[in-house]
Amino acid sequence: MNFTYLTQEGHDRLKAELDELKTTGRQEASRAIAEARDKGDLSENAEYDAAKNAQGMLELKINELEKVMATARILSADDMDTSEVRLLTSVTIKNKKTGKEDTYTLVSESEANLKDKKISASSPIGKGLLGKKVGETAQITTPAGEIAFKILNIFI
């Protein structure tokens, strides 16, 4: 079984989103279908078709979130080892070509947010950094080409 590893914050956010979709989302979808149904002939009612499609997409999203939650495992910073880059560790890297330094936290796909410097462990950069230790170089193939990053620091 494949687990989805989440922080407590990520787990709480997904749970809140799922609860919102199951309550408010379903109520709004039902209301839209009822309003469209009241407008007459269903065979030629584009609003009804659109409302039914939106309901189907909502149920698909609910189903996907339920699968994530069913396989979710919460990782705690207390359990983390910083001897190498792992899920939920933060890593400071230096681009060997440009000299630019950045710090990222490796997270699950569902928590990735580049704006917050959280990258997915399944992304090309995330995969390339996993298992590396301070001082090592990660050769990573990205869409922009091959990039070498030196691992400067690993922390929680």
N, C-alpha and C. Protein backbone atom coordinates (compact mmCIF):
# COMPACT_ATOMS: atom_id res chain seq x y z
N MET A 1 0.84 -1.19 0.00
CA MET A 1 0.00 0.00 0.00
C MET A 1 0.88 1.24 0.00
N ASN A 2 0.54 2.19 -0.82
CA ASN A 2 1.26 3.46 -0.88
C ASN A 2 0.64 4.44 0.11
N PHE A 3 1.47 4.95 1.00
CA PHE A 3 1.00 5.91 1.98
C PHE A 3 1.25 7.32 1.47
N THR A 4 0.44 8.25 1.95
CA THR A 4 0.65 9.67 1.69
C THR A 4 1.13 10.27 3.00
N TYR A 5 2.36 10.76 3.01
CA TYR A 5 2.92 11.32 4.24
C TYR A 5 2.64 12.81 4.27
N LEU A 6 2.06 13.26 5.37
CA LEU A 6 1.64 14.65 5.52
C LEU A 6 2.14 15.22 6.84
N THR A 7 2.27 16.53 6.86
CA THR A 7 2.48 17.21 8.13
C THR A 7 1.12 17.30 8.81
N GLN A 8 1.10 17.63 10.08
CA GLN A 8 -0.18 17.81 10.77
C GLN A 8 -0.95 18.95 10.11
N GLU A 9 -0.25 20.01 9.74
CA GLU A 9 -0.87 21.16 9.09
C GLU A 9 -1.50 20.75 7.76
N GLY A 10 -0.78 19.97 6.97
CA GLY A 10 -1.31 19.52 5.68
C GLY A 10 -2.51 18.60 5.85
N HIS A 11 -2.45 17.72 6.84
CA HIS A 11 -3.56 16.81 7.13
C HIS A 11 -4.80 17.60 7.53
N ASP A 12 -4.62 18.59 8.40
CA ASP A 12 -5.75 19.40 8.86
C ASP A 12 -6.37 20.19 7.71
N ARG A 13 -5.52 20.71 6.82
CA ARG A 13 -6.01 21.48 5.67
C ARG A 13 -6.83 20.59 4.73
N LEU A 14 -6.31 19.39 4.44
CA LEU A 14 -7.05 18.47 3.56
C LEU A 14 -8.36 18.02 4.19
N LYS A 15 -8.33 17.77 5.50
CA LYS A 15 -9.55 17.35 6.19
C LYS A 15 -10.61 18.45 6.14
N ALA A 16 -10.18 19.70 6.35
CA ALA A 16 -11.11 20.83 6.29
C ALA A 16 -11.68 20.98 4.88
N GLU A 17 -10.84 20.82 3.87
CA GLU A 17 -11.32 20.91 2.49
C GLU A 17 -12.32 19.81 2.18
N LEU A 18 -12.04 18.60 2.63
CA LEU A 18 -12.95 17.48 2.41
C LEU A 18 -14.29 17.72 3.12
N ASP A 19 -14.24 18.17 4.36
CA ASP A 19 -15.48 18.46 5.09
C ASP A 19 -16.29 19.55 4.39
N GLU A 20 -15.61 20.58 3.89
CA GLU A 20 -16.27 21.67 3.18
C GLU A 20 -16.96 21.16 1.90
N LEU A 21 -16.25 20.32 1.15
CA LEU A 21 -16.83 19.78 -0.09
C LEU A 21 -18.04 18.88 0.21
N LYS A 22 -17.93 18.10 1.27
CA LYS A 22 -19.03 17.17 1.60
C LYS A 22 -20.27 17.90 2.10
N THR A 23 -20.10 19.02 2.72
CA THR A 23 -21.26 19.74 3.27
C THR A 23 -21.69 20.85 2.32
N THR A 24 -20.99 21.95 2.34
CA THR A 24 -21.37 23.11 1.53
C THR A 24 -21.34 22.80 0.04
N GLY A 25 -20.30 22.12 -0.41
CA GLY A 25 -20.18 21.80 -1.83
C GLY A 25 -21.34 20.98 -2.35
N ARG A 26 -21.69 19.93 -1.61
CA ARG A 26 -22.82 19.08 -2.03
C ARG A 26 -24.14 19.85 -1.98
N GLN A 27 -24.32 20.68 -0.97
CA GLN A 27 -25.55 21.48 -0.87
C GLN A 27 -25.69 22.42 -2.06
N GLU A 28 -24.59 23.07 -2.42
CA GLU A 28 -24.62 24.00 -3.56
C GLU A 28 -24.89 23.26 -4.87
N ALA A 29 -24.30 22.08 -5.03
CA ALA A 29 -24.52 21.29 -6.25
C ALA A 29 -25.98 20.87 -6.34
N SER A 30 -26.55 20.43 -5.24
CA SER A 30 -27.97 20.02 -5.22
C SER A 30 -28.88 21.19 -5.54
N ARG A 31 -28.55 22.34 -4.97
CA ARG A 31 -29.35 23.54 -5.20
C ARG A 31 -29.29 23.94 -6.68
N ALA A 32 -28.11 23.88 -7.29
CA ALA A 32 -27.96 24.24 -8.71
C ALA A 32 -28.74 23.28 -9.60
N ILE A 33 -28.75 22.00 -9.27
CA ILE A 33 -29.50 21.01 -10.05
C ILE A 33 -31.00 21.26 -9.92
N ALA A 34 -31.44 21.55 -8.69
CA ALA A 34 -32.87 21.81 -8.45
C ALA A 34 -33.32 23.06 -9.21
N GLU A 35 -32.51 24.11 -9.19
CA GLU A 35 -32.86 25.33 -9.91
C GLU A 35 -32.94 25.08 -11.42
N ALA A 36 -31.99 24.32 -11.94
CA ALA A 36 -31.98 24.03 -13.38
C ALA A 36 -33.17 23.15 -13.76
N ARG A 37 -33.51 22.21 -12.88
CA ARG A 37 -34.64 21.30 -13.13
C ARG A 37 -35.95 22.09 -13.20
N ASP A 38 -36.05 23.13 -12.39
CA ASP A 38 -37.27 23.95 -12.35
C ASP A 38 -37.46 24.77 -13.63
N LYS A 39 -36.45 24.85 -14.45
CA LYS A 39 -36.54 25.67 -15.67
C LYS A 39 -37.12 24.92 -16.86
N GLY A 40 -37.60 23.71 -16.64
CA GLY A 40 -38.33 23.04 -17.72
C GLY A 40 -37.67 21.81 -18.27
N ASP A 41 -37.89 21.58 -19.56
CA ASP A 41 -37.50 20.38 -20.28
C ASP A 41 -36.01 20.05 -20.05
N LEU A 42 -35.75 18.90 -19.43
CA LEU A 42 -34.39 18.52 -19.10
C LEU A 42 -33.58 18.09 -20.32
N SER A 43 -34.25 17.63 -21.39
CA SER A 43 -33.53 17.15 -22.56
C SER A 43 -32.80 18.27 -23.29
N GLU A 44 -33.26 19.50 -23.13
CA GLU A 44 -32.61 20.62 -23.82
C GLU A 44 -32.15 21.69 -22.82
N ASN A 45 -31.90 21.29 -21.61
CA ASN A 45 -31.56 22.24 -20.56
C ASN A 45 -30.05 22.20 -20.30
N ALA A 46 -29.33 23.15 -20.87
CA ALA A 46 -27.87 23.20 -20.73
C ALA A 46 -27.46 23.46 -19.28
N GLU A 47 -28.26 24.26 -18.56
CA GLU A 47 -27.94 24.54 -17.15
C GLU A 47 -28.00 23.26 -16.33
N TYR A 48 -28.98 22.40 -16.63
CA TYR A 48 -29.11 21.14 -15.90
C TYR A 48 -27.89 20.25 -16.18
N ASP A 49 -27.51 20.15 -17.45
CA ASP A 49 -26.33 19.35 -17.82
C ASP A 49 -25.07 19.87 -17.12
N ALA A 50 -24.92 21.19 -17.12
CA ALA A 50 -23.75 21.80 -16.48
C ALA A 50 -23.75 21.53 -14.97
N ALA A 51 -24.91 21.62 -14.34
CA ALA A 51 -25.02 21.38 -12.90
C ALA A 51 -24.71 19.92 -12.57
N LYS A 52 -25.19 19.00 -13.41
CA LYS A 52 -24.91 17.57 -13.20
C LYS A 52 -23.42 17.28 -13.39
N ASN A 53 -22.80 17.92 -14.40
CA ASN A 53 -21.36 17.75 -14.61
C ASN A 53 -20.56 18.30 -13.44
N ALA A 54 -20.97 19.45 -12.93
CA ALA A 54 -20.29 20.04 -11.77
C ALA A 54 -20.42 19.13 -10.55
N GLN A 55 -21.60 18.52 -10.40
CA GLN A 55 -21.80 17.59 -9.29
C GLN A 55 -20.87 16.37 -9.44
N GLY A 56 -20.73 15.87 -10.66
CA GLY A 56 -19.84 14.74 -10.91
C GLY A 56 -18.39 15.08 -10.59
N MET A 57 -17.97 16.28 -10.97
CA MET A 57 -16.60 16.72 -10.68
C MET A 57 -16.38 16.88 -9.17
N LEU A 58 -17.39 17.38 -8.49
CA LEU A 58 -17.33 17.53 -7.03
C LEU A 58 -17.15 16.16 -6.37
N GLU A 59 -17.96 15.19 -6.80
CA GLU A 59 -17.88 13.85 -6.21
C GLU A 59 -16.53 13.19 -6.52
N LEU A 60 -15.97 13.48 -7.69
CA LEU A 60 -14.65 12.95 -8.05
C LEU A 60 -13.59 13.54 -7.12
N LYS A 61 -13.67 14.83 -6.87
CA LYS A 61 -12.71 15.50 -5.97
C LYS A 61 -12.85 14.95 -4.55
N ILE A 62 -14.09 14.75 -4.09
CA ILE A 62 -14.32 14.18 -2.76
C ILE A 62 -13.70 12.79 -2.68
N ASN A 63 -13.92 11.99 -3.72
CA ASN A 63 -13.38 10.63 -3.76
C ASN A 63 -11.86 10.64 -3.69
N GLU A 64 -11.22 11.53 -4.45
CA GLU A 64 -9.76 11.63 -4.45
C GLU A 64 -9.23 12.03 -3.07
N LEU A 65 -9.88 13.01 -2.44
CA LEU A 65 -9.44 13.44 -1.11
C LEU A 65 -9.65 12.34 -0.07
N GLU A 66 -10.74 11.58 -0.20
CA GLU A 66 -10.97 10.48 0.73
C GLU A 66 -9.89 9.41 0.59
N LYS A 67 -9.44 9.16 -0.64
CA LYS A 67 -8.35 8.18 -0.85
C LYS A 67 -7.06 8.67 -0.19
N VAL A 68 -6.76 9.96 -0.35
CA VAL A 68 -5.56 10.53 0.26
C VAL A 68 -5.65 10.41 1.78
N MET A 69 -6.80 10.77 2.33
CA MET A 69 -6.98 10.72 3.79
C MET A 69 -6.92 9.28 4.32
N ALA A 70 -7.41 8.33 3.53
CA ALA A 70 -7.40 6.93 3.97
C ALA A 70 -5.98 6.38 4.06
N THR A 71 -5.08 6.90 3.25
CA THR A 71 -3.70 6.41 3.25
C THR A 71 -2.73 7.38 3.93
N ALA A 72 -3.28 8.42 4.55
CA ALA A 72 -2.43 9.45 5.15
C ALA A 72 -1.74 8.96 6.41
N ARG A 73 -0.48 9.32 6.51
CA ARG A 73 0.31 9.08 7.71
C ARG A 73 0.92 10.42 8.08
N ILE A 74 0.73 10.81 9.33
CA ILE A 74 1.24 12.12 9.78
C ILE A 74 2.65 11.94 10.31
N LEU A 75 3.55 12.74 9.76
CA LEU A 75 4.93 12.72 10.22
C LEU A 75 5.15 13.89 11.17
N SER A 76 5.85 13.61 12.23
CA SER A 76 6.15 14.63 13.22
C SER A 76 7.62 15.01 13.14
N ALA A 77 7.91 16.26 13.35
CA ALA A 77 9.30 16.73 13.33
C ALA A 77 10.14 16.02 14.39
N ASP A 78 9.50 15.58 15.48
CA ASP A 78 10.21 14.88 16.55
C ASP A 78 10.80 13.56 16.07
N ASP A 79 10.17 12.96 15.04
CA ASP A 79 10.61 11.67 14.55
C ASP A 79 11.64 11.77 13.43
N MET A 80 12.00 12.99 13.06
CA MET A 80 12.84 13.18 11.88
C MET A 80 14.32 13.09 12.19
N ASP A 81 15.05 12.56 11.22
CA ASP A 81 16.50 12.44 11.28
C ASP A 81 17.06 13.40 10.23
N THR A 82 17.99 14.25 10.62
CA THR A 82 18.51 15.24 9.68
C THR A 82 19.89 14.87 9.16
N SER A 83 20.25 13.58 9.22
CA SER A 83 21.55 13.18 8.69
C SER A 83 21.54 13.15 7.16
N GLU A 84 20.35 13.07 6.58
CA GLU A 84 20.22 13.12 5.12
C GLU A 84 18.89 13.74 4.76
N VAL A 85 18.75 14.16 3.51
CA VAL A 85 17.51 14.79 3.05
C VAL A 85 16.41 13.73 3.01
N ARG A 86 15.32 14.02 3.70
CA ARG A 86 14.16 13.14 3.76
C ARG A 86 12.90 13.97 3.64
N LEU A 87 11.79 13.28 3.54
CA LEU A 87 10.50 13.94 3.52
C LEU A 87 10.35 14.77 4.79
N LEU A 88 9.89 15.98 4.66
CA LEU A 88 9.65 16.96 5.72
C LEU A 88 10.90 17.61 6.29
N THR A 89 12.07 17.30 5.73
CA THR A 89 13.25 18.06 6.16
C THR A 89 13.37 19.28 5.26
N SER A 90 14.00 20.29 5.81
CA SER A 90 14.32 21.48 5.02
C SER A 90 15.78 21.36 4.62
N VAL A 91 16.08 21.79 3.41
CA VAL A 91 17.44 21.66 2.91
C VAL A 91 17.85 22.96 2.23
N THR A 92 19.05 23.42 2.57
CA THR A 92 19.61 24.59 1.91
C THR A 92 20.56 24.06 0.85
N ILE A 93 20.32 24.50 -0.40
CA ILE A 93 21.13 24.04 -1.52
C ILE A 93 21.76 25.23 -2.24
N LYS A 94 22.87 24.95 -2.91
CA LYS A 94 23.55 25.99 -3.68
C LYS A 94 23.69 25.49 -5.11
N ASN A 95 23.18 26.28 -6.05
CA ASN A 95 23.32 25.97 -7.46
C ASN A 95 24.80 26.18 -7.80
N LYS A 96 25.50 25.12 -8.20
CA LYS A 96 26.95 25.20 -8.43
C LYS A 96 27.30 26.10 -9.61
N LYS A 97 26.37 26.26 -10.55
CA LYS A 97 26.65 27.09 -11.73
C LYS A 97 26.46 28.57 -11.42
N THR A 98 25.34 28.90 -10.75
CA THR A 98 25.02 30.31 -10.51
C THR A 98 25.47 30.81 -9.13
N GLY A 99 25.71 29.89 -8.21
CA GLY A 99 26.08 30.27 -6.85
C GLY A 99 24.89 30.66 -5.99
N LYS A 100 23.68 30.60 -6.55
CA LYS A 100 22.47 31.00 -5.82
C LYS A 100 22.11 29.94 -4.78
N GLU A 101 21.78 30.41 -3.59
CA GLU A 101 21.36 29.51 -2.51
C GLU A 101 19.86 29.63 -2.30
N ASP A 102 19.21 28.49 -2.03
CA ASP A 102 17.79 28.44 -1.72
C ASP A 102 17.56 27.40 -0.64
N THR A 103 16.50 27.59 0.10
CA THR A 103 16.11 26.61 1.11
C THR A 103 14.70 26.14 0.79
N TYR A 104 14.54 24.83 0.75
CA TYR A 104 13.24 24.21 0.45
C TYR A 104 12.92 23.16 1.50
N THR A 105 11.63 22.90 1.67
CA THR A 105 11.17 21.80 2.50
C THR A 105 10.57 20.76 1.57
N LEU A 106 10.97 19.50 1.74
CA LEU A 106 10.42 18.43 0.92
C LEU A 106 9.13 17.92 1.56
N VAL A 107 8.07 17.93 0.79
CA VAL A 107 6.75 17.54 1.28
C VAL A 107 6.09 16.59 0.29
N SER A 108 4.92 16.09 0.65
CA SER A 108 4.17 15.24 -0.27
C SER A 108 3.59 16.10 -1.39
N GLU A 109 3.16 15.46 -2.46
CA GLU A 109 2.62 16.17 -3.61
C GLU A 109 1.45 17.08 -3.23
N SER A 110 0.60 16.60 -2.32
CA SER A 110 -0.60 17.37 -1.96
C SER A 110 -0.28 18.62 -1.15
N GLU A 111 0.92 18.71 -0.59
CA GLU A 111 1.30 19.88 0.20
C GLU A 111 2.25 20.82 -0.53
N ALA A 112 2.72 20.42 -1.71
CA ALA A 112 3.71 21.22 -2.44
C ALA A 112 3.15 22.61 -2.77
N ASN A 113 3.99 23.61 -2.58
CA ASN A 113 3.63 25.00 -2.87
C ASN A 113 4.94 25.77 -3.02
N LEU A 114 5.33 26.01 -4.26
CA LEU A 114 6.62 26.65 -4.52
C LEU A 114 6.72 28.03 -3.89
N LYS A 115 5.60 28.75 -3.82
CA LYS A 115 5.60 30.08 -3.21
C LYS A 115 6.04 30.01 -1.75
N ASP A 116 5.66 28.92 -1.06
CA ASP A 116 6.06 28.72 0.33
C ASP A 116 7.35 27.94 0.47
N LYS A 117 8.05 27.72 -0.67
CA LYS A 117 9.31 26.96 -0.70
C LYS A 117 9.12 25.52 -0.24
N LYS A 118 7.96 24.95 -0.57
CA LYS A 118 7.68 23.54 -0.28
C LYS A 118 7.62 22.81 -1.61
N ILE A 119 8.58 21.89 -1.82
CA ILE A 119 8.60 21.16 -3.09
C ILE A 119 8.26 19.69 -2.85
N SER A 120 7.63 19.12 -3.83
CA SER A 120 7.22 17.73 -3.75
C SER A 120 8.44 16.81 -3.80
N ALA A 121 8.43 15.81 -2.93
CA ALA A 121 9.51 14.83 -2.94
C ALA A 121 9.48 14.00 -4.22
N SER A 122 8.36 14.03 -4.95
CA SER A 122 8.27 13.27 -6.19
C SER A 122 8.62 14.12 -7.42
N SER A 123 8.93 15.40 -7.21
CA SER A 123 9.35 16.27 -8.32
C SER A 123 10.79 15.90 -8.70
N PRO A 124 11.25 16.31 -9.89
CA PRO A 124 12.64 16.00 -10.26
C PRO A 124 13.67 16.49 -9.22
N ILE A 125 13.50 17.72 -8.73
CA ILE A 125 14.45 18.24 -7.74
C ILE A 125 14.31 17.47 -6.42
N GLY A 126 13.07 17.24 -5.99
CA GLY A 126 12.84 16.49 -4.76
C GLY A 126 13.46 15.11 -4.81
N LYS A 127 13.23 14.39 -5.90
CA LYS A 127 13.81 13.05 -6.06
C LYS A 127 15.33 13.10 -6.03
N GLY A 128 15.90 14.12 -6.68
CA GLY A 128 17.35 14.23 -6.74
C GLY A 128 17.99 14.56 -5.40
N LEU A 129 17.24 15.24 -4.53
CA LEU A 129 17.78 15.62 -3.22
C LEU A 129 17.62 14.52 -2.17
N LEU A 130 16.61 13.69 -2.30
CA LEU A 130 16.35 12.64 -1.30
C LEU A 130 17.57 11.76 -1.08
N GLY A 131 17.90 11.56 0.18
CA GLY A 131 19.01 10.67 0.54
C GLY A 131 20.38 11.34 0.54
N LYS A 132 20.48 12.56 0.07
CA LYS A 132 21.77 13.26 0.04
C LYS A 132 22.12 13.78 1.43
N LYS A 133 23.43 13.89 1.67
CA LYS A 133 23.93 14.38 2.96
C LYS A 133 24.63 15.72 2.76
N VAL A 134 24.83 16.45 3.86
CA VAL A 134 25.51 17.74 3.79
C VAL A 134 26.88 17.55 3.14
N GLY A 135 27.18 18.43 2.19
CA GLY A 135 28.46 18.38 1.48
C GLY A 135 28.39 17.64 0.16
N GLU A 136 27.38 16.79 -0.03
CA GLU A 136 27.24 16.05 -1.28
C GLU A 136 26.65 16.94 -2.37
N THR A 137 26.85 16.49 -3.60
CA THR A 137 26.29 17.20 -4.75
C THR A 137 25.21 16.34 -5.38
N ALA A 138 24.09 16.97 -5.69
CA ALA A 138 22.99 16.29 -6.36
C ALA A 138 22.96 16.74 -7.81
N GLN A 139 23.15 15.80 -8.74
CA GLN A 139 23.04 16.07 -10.17
C GLN A 139 21.59 15.80 -10.54
N ILE A 140 20.87 16.84 -10.93
CA ILE A 140 19.43 16.70 -11.16
C ILE A 140 19.09 17.10 -12.59
N THR A 141 18.34 16.21 -13.26
CA THR A 141 17.86 16.51 -14.61
C THR A 141 16.50 17.17 -14.48
N THR A 142 16.41 18.40 -14.95
CA THR A 142 15.16 19.16 -14.92
C THR A 142 14.76 19.47 -16.35
N PRO A 143 13.54 19.98 -16.53
CA PRO A 143 13.14 20.38 -17.89
C PRO A 143 14.10 21.41 -18.51
N ALA A 144 14.78 22.18 -17.65
CA ALA A 144 15.72 23.19 -18.13
C ALA A 144 17.11 22.61 -18.37
N GLY A 145 17.29 21.33 -18.11
CA GLY A 145 18.59 20.69 -18.30
C GLY A 145 19.18 20.18 -16.99
N GLU A 146 20.42 19.74 -17.05
CA GLU A 146 21.12 19.17 -15.90
C GLU A 146 21.59 20.30 -14.98
N ILE A 147 21.29 20.17 -13.68
CA ILE A 147 21.70 21.17 -12.70
C ILE A 147 22.38 20.45 -11.53
N ALA A 148 23.49 21.03 -11.05
CA ALA A 148 24.20 20.47 -9.90
C ALA A 148 23.94 21.36 -8.68
N PHE A 149 23.46 20.73 -7.61
CA PHE A 149 23.20 21.45 -6.37
C PHE A 149 24.08 20.85 -5.27
N LYS A 150 24.75 21.71 -4.51
CA LYS A 150 25.51 21.26 -3.34
C LYS A 150 24.61 21.38 -2.12
N ILE A 151 24.59 20.35 -1.30
CA ILE A 151 23.77 20.35 -0.07
C ILE A 151 24.58 21.09 1.01
N LEU A 152 24.03 22.21 1.47
CA LEU A 152 24.72 23.02 2.48
C LEU A 152 24.26 22.75 3.89
N ASN A 153 22.95 22.48 4.06
CA ASN A 153 22.40 22.29 5.41
C ASN A 153 21.10 21.49 5.33
N ILE A 154 20.87 20.67 6.34
CA ILE A 154 19.63 19.90 6.45
C ILE A 154 19.12 20.12 7.87
N PHE A 155 17.85 20.52 7.98
CA PHE A 155 17.29 20.80 9.30
C PHE A 155 15.77 20.58 9.28
N ILE A 156 15.17 20.66 10.46
CA ILE A 156 13.73 20.51 10.59
C ILE A 156 13.08 21.88 10.58
